């Protein structure tokens, strides 16, 4: 449970950074890559919660 705060902060920092990047470079292909990146990070974040 103590891992949760750094994980959430890291995920939020990633989303904010990629959001700023997409804001300054508004391209559809870049948006698709960033969406895939956030999706994979979210999957990695929530996958251990499902347990073994």
Protein backbone atom coordinates (compact mmCIF):
# COMPACT_ATOMS: atom_id res chain seq x y z
CA UNK A 1 0.00 0.00 0.00
CA UNK A 2 2.92 2.35 0.59
CA UNK A 3 3.85 1.95 -3.11
CA UNK A 4 0.59 3.52 -4.17
CA UNK A 5 1.48 7.19 -3.66
CA UNK A 6 4.70 7.14 -5.74
CA UNK A 7 2.96 5.10 -8.45
CA UNK A 8 0.08 7.57 -8.69
CA UNK A 9 2.45 10.56 -8.70
CA UNK A 10 4.59 8.98 -11.43
CA UNK A 11 1.55 8.15 -13.55
CA UNK A 12 0.18 11.67 -13.10
CA UNK A 13 3.55 13.18 -14.03
CA UNK A 14 3.65 11.05 -17.19
CA UNK A 15 0.15 12.09 -18.20
CA UNK A 16 0.87 15.78 -17.53
CA UNK A 17 4.15 15.69 -19.46
CA UNK A 18 2.62 13.92 -22.45
CA UNK A 19 -0.39 16.24 -22.33
CA UNK A 20 1.86 19.29 -22.51
CA UNK A 21 3.75 17.70 -25.40
CA UNK A 22 0.52 17.06 -27.29
CA UNK A 23 -0.72 20.59 -26.52
CA UNK A 24 2.38 22.15 -28.12
CA UNK A 25 2.62 19.67 -31.01
CA UNK A 26 -0.99 18.93 -32.01
CA UNK A 27 -0.58 16.03 -34.43
CA UNK A 28 -2.92 13.07 -34.76
CA UNK A 29 -0.16 10.51 -35.12
CA UNK A 30 1.64 11.84 -32.06
CA UNK A 31 -1.66 11.73 -30.17
CA UNK A 32 -2.08 8.07 -31.09
CA UNK A 33 1.40 7.20 -29.84
CA UNK A 34 0.85 9.14 -26.61
CA UNK A 35 -2.52 7.45 -26.08
CA UNK A 36 -0.87 4.07 -26.55
CA UNK A 37 1.88 5.04 -24.10
CA UNK A 38 -0.60 6.15 -21.43
CA UNK A 39 -2.65 3.02 -22.03
CA UNK A 40 0.33 0.75 -21.54
CA UNK A 41 1.38 2.64 -18.41
CA UNK A 42 -2.16 2.36 -17.02
CA UNK A 43 -2.22 -1.36 -17.79
CA UNK A 44 1.11 -1.77 -16.02
CA UNK A 45 -0.24 0.23 -13.08
CA UNK A 46 -3.48 -1.76 -12.69
CA UNK A 47 -2.29 -5.25 -13.73
CA UNK A 48 -0.74 -6.18 -10.34
CA UNK A 49 -3.99 -5.12 -8.61
CA UNK A 50 -5.79 -8.08 -10.21
CA UNK A 51 -3.52 -10.38 -8.26
CA UNK A 52 -2.31 -13.89 -8.82
